[in-house]
Amino acid sequence: MPKIKITVLKRVDPSVIFDGDVPNRPGTDEKYTVCTWCEEGQEWISENGRMPEGFCSWAWRDIYKDLSILRFGGDVTPWMEEGEMITCCTDGVRPVSFKLERVED
């Protein structure tokens, strides 16, 4: 079974979502910021369909369906190279985009 490499492509700044007028987080005086658990360019390897250590469990839930397609040999995005897919977490305020790549042993 192939491994899947997961690469952080982009952390979206909430100012893009809110047209520059970023609100405070509920109950605080703090503005929303980009997702803080990862950095652009950061990489993980998923083996046997398992969530890599340190990976965000919310993002994992969102990307797992796409990761599974690649893991089992599928390719559903004709504009990407074979064995690659772009996907994202569904955080509506500060989403993160990922590149998934099938990696043969």
C-alpha atoms as a PDB file:
ATOM      1  CA  MET A   1       0.000   0.000   0.000  1.00  0.00           C
ATOM      2  CA  PRO A   2       1.463   3.407  -0.908  1.00  0.00           C
ATOM      3  CA  LYS A   3       2.233   6.098   1.624  1.00  0.00           C
ATOM      4  CA  ILE A   4       0.698   9.550   1.224  1.00  0.00           C
ATOM      5  CA  LYS A   5       2.792  12.682   1.628  1.00  0.00           C
ATOM      6  CA  ILE A   6       0.822  15.636   3.017  1.00  0.00           C
ATOM      7  CA  THR A   7       2.240  19.130   2.428  1.00  0.00           C
ATOM      8  CA  VAL A   8       0.808  22.403   3.752  1.00  0.00           C
ATOM      9  CA  LEU A   9       0.405  24.679   0.729  1.00  0.00           C
ATOM     10  CA  LYS A  10      -1.329  27.710   2.184  1.00  0.00           C
ATOM     11  CA  ARG A  11      -2.799  28.968   5.446  1.00  0.00           C
ATOM     12  CA  VAL A  12      -5.498  31.476   4.533  1.00  0.00           C
ATOM     13  CA  ASP A  13      -5.415  34.763   6.437  1.00  0.00           C
ATOM     14  CA  PRO A  14      -8.862  35.541   7.909  1.00  0.00           C
ATOM     15  CA  SER A  15      -8.606  39.068   6.483  1.00  0.00           C
ATOM     16  CA  VAL A  16      -9.236  37.460   3.071  1.00  0.00           C
ATOM     17  CA  ILE A  17     -12.436  35.862   4.349  1.00  0.00           C
ATOM     18  CA  PHE A  18     -13.682  39.041   6.051  1.00  0.00           C
ATOM     19  CA  ASP A  19     -12.532  41.561   3.400  1.00  0.00           C
ATOM     20  CA  GLY A  20      -9.963  43.022   5.791  1.00  0.00           C
ATOM     21  CA  ASP A  21     -12.309  43.603   8.747  1.00  0.00           C
ATOM     22  CA  VAL A  22     -11.344  40.619  10.926  1.00  0.00           C
ATOM     23  CA  PRO A  23     -13.669  40.243  13.938  1.00  0.00           C
ATOM     24  CA  ASN A  24     -12.645  39.285  17.437  1.00  0.00           C
ATOM     25  CA  ARG A  25     -12.832  35.663  18.462  1.00  0.00           C
ATOM     26  CA  PRO A  26     -16.014  35.104  20.509  1.00  0.00           C
ATOM     27  CA  GLY A  27     -15.621  36.118  24.138  1.00  0.00           C
ATOM     28  CA  THR A  28     -12.159  37.660  23.642  1.00  0.00           C
ATOM     29  CA  ASP A  29     -10.440  40.838  22.523  1.00  0.00           C
ATOM     30  CA  GLU A  30      -8.264  38.786  20.134  1.00  0.00           C
ATOM     31  CA  LYS A  31      -8.677  38.874  16.358  1.00  0.00           C
ATOM     32  CA  TYR A  32      -8.750  35.674  14.353  1.00  0.00           C
ATOM     33  CA  THR A  33      -5.331  34.747  12.955  1.00  0.00           C
ATOM     34  CA  VAL A  34      -4.047  32.196  10.442  1.00  0.00           C
ATOM     35  CA  CYS A  35      -4.097  28.622  11.678  1.00  0.00           C
ATOM     36  CA  THR A  36      -1.281  28.265  14.188  1.00  0.00           C
ATOM     37  CA  TRP A  37      -0.781  24.492  14.361  1.00  0.00           C
ATOM     38  CA  CYS A  38       1.146  24.239  11.082  1.00  0.00           C
ATOM     39  CA  GLU A  39       3.490  26.151   8.765  1.00  0.00           C
ATOM     40  CA  GLU A  40       3.424  26.437   4.989  1.00  0.00           C
ATOM     41  CA  GLY A  41       5.743  23.834   3.482  1.00  0.00           C
ATOM     42  CA  GLN A  42       5.437  21.524   6.493  1.00  0.00           C
ATOM     43  CA  GLU A  43       5.180  17.846   5.514  1.00  0.00           C
ATOM     44  CA  TRP A  44       3.912  14.606   7.016  1.00  0.00           C
ATOM     45  CA  ILE A  45       3.740  11.016   5.774  1.00  0.00           C
ATOM     46  CA  SER A  46       0.623   8.935   6.312  1.00  0.00           C
ATOM     47  CA  GLU A  47       1.300   5.204   6.421  1.00  0.00           C
ATOM     48  CA  ASN A  48      -1.483   2.609   6.196  1.00  0.00           C
ATOM     49  CA  GLY A  49      -4.094   5.382   6.222  1.00  0.00           C
ATOM     50  CA  ARG A  50      -3.128   6.499   9.713  1.00  0.00           C
ATOM     51  CA  MET A  51      -3.062  10.102  10.913  1.00  0.00           C
ATOM     52  CA  PRO A  52       0.551  11.235  11.311  1.00  0.00           C
ATOM     53  CA  GLU A  53       1.676  12.175  14.793  1.00  0.00           C
ATOM     54  CA  GLY A  54       1.138  15.863  15.480  1.00  0.00           C
ATOM     55  CA  PHE A  55      -1.390  16.299  12.690  1.00  0.00           C
ATOM     56  CA  CYS A  56      -4.549  18.320  13.438  1.00  0.00           C
ATOM     57  CA  SER A  57      -7.415  15.889  14.068  1.00  0.00           C
ATOM     58  CA  TRP A  58      -9.962  18.340  12.598  1.00  0.00           C
ATOM     59  CA  ALA A  59      -7.977  18.736   9.377  1.00  0.00           C
ATOM     60  CA  TRP A  60      -7.436  14.965   9.255  1.00  0.00           C
ATOM     61  CA  ARG A  61     -11.181  14.380   9.336  1.00  0.00           C
ATOM     62  CA  ASP A  62     -11.595  16.760   6.408  1.00  0.00           C
ATOM     63  CA  ILE A  63      -8.801  15.429   4.157  1.00  0.00           C
ATOM     64  CA  TYR A  64      -9.109  11.715   4.945  1.00  0.00           C
ATOM     65  CA  LYS A  65     -11.611  11.017   2.146  1.00  0.00           C
ATOM     66  CA  ASP A  66      -9.214  12.453  -0.457  1.00  0.00           C
ATOM     67  CA  LEU A  67      -6.227  10.725   1.094  1.00  0.00           C
ATOM     68  CA  SER A  68      -8.116   7.418   0.910  1.00  0.00           C
ATOM     69  CA  ILE A  69      -8.843   7.866  -2.801  1.00  0.00           C
ATOM     70  CA  LEU A  70      -5.119   8.272  -3.509  1.00  0.00           C
ATOM     71  CA  ARG A  71      -4.145   5.506  -1.117  1.00  0.00           C
ATOM     72  CA  PHE A  72      -6.284   2.990  -2.977  1.00  0.00           C
ATOM     73  CA  GLY A  73      -5.005   4.031  -6.407  1.00  0.00           C
ATOM     74  CA  GLY A  74      -7.698   6.496  -7.441  1.00  0.00           C
ATOM     75  CA  ASP A  75      -7.160   9.748  -9.317  1.00  0.00           C
ATOM     76  CA  VAL A  76     -10.121  12.113  -9.541  1.00  0.00           C
ATOM     77  CA  THR A  77      -8.552  15.443 -10.470  1.00  0.00           C
ATOM     78  CA  PRO A  78      -7.694  15.537 -14.190  1.00  0.00           C
ATOM     79  CA  TRP A  79      -5.883  18.898 -13.835  1.00  0.00           C
ATOM     80  CA  MET A  80      -3.331  17.378 -11.402  1.00  0.00           C
ATOM     81  CA  GLU A  81      -0.502  14.945 -11.987  1.00  0.00           C
ATOM     82  CA  GLU A  82      -1.387  11.302 -11.469  1.00  0.00           C
ATOM     83  CA  GLY A  83      -1.202  10.449  -7.775  1.00  0.00           C
ATOM     84  CA  GLU A  84      -1.648  14.051  -6.598  1.00  0.00           C
ATOM     85  CA  MET A  85      -4.563  15.986  -5.161  1.00  0.00           C
ATOM     86  CA  ILE A  86      -5.190  19.393  -3.592  1.00  0.00           C
ATOM     87  CA  THR A  87      -7.570  19.453  -0.642  1.00  0.00           C
ATOM     88  CA  CYS A  88      -8.265  21.558   2.444  1.00  0.00           C
ATOM     89  CA  CYS A  89      -9.672  21.591   5.924  1.00  0.00           C
ATOM     90  CA  THR A  90     -13.131  23.106   6.280  1.00  0.00           C
ATOM     91  CA  ASP A  91     -12.331  25.794   8.842  1.00  0.00           C
ATOM     92  CA  GLY A  92     -14.398  28.589   7.355  1.00  0.00           C
ATOM     93  CA  VAL A  93     -12.467  31.367   9.107  1.00  0.00           C
ATOM     94  CA  ARG A  94      -8.874  30.183   8.656  1.00  0.00           C
ATOM     95  CA  PRO A  95      -8.696  27.245   6.229  1.00  0.00           C
ATOM     96  CA  VAL A  96      -5.518  25.391   5.321  1.00  0.00           C
ATOM     97  CA  SER A  97      -4.843  23.924   1.855  1.00  0.00           C
ATOM     98  CA  PHE A  98      -2.859  20.714   1.462  1.00  0.00           C
ATOM     99  CA  LYS A  99      -1.199  18.859  -1.391  1.00  0.00           C
ATOM    100  CA  LEU A 100      -1.508  15.070  -1.177  1.00  0.00           C
ATOM    101  CA  GLU A 101       0.932  12.868  -3.094  1.00  0.00           C
ATOM    102  CA  ARG A 102       0.979   9.105  -3.458  1.00  0.00           C
ATOM    103  CA  VAL A 103       4.471   7.879  -2.575  1.00  0.00           C
ATOM    104  CA  GLU A 104       5.427   4.387  -3.671  1.00  0.00           C
ATOM    105  CA  ASP A 105       7.746   2.414  -1.422  1.00  0.00           C
END
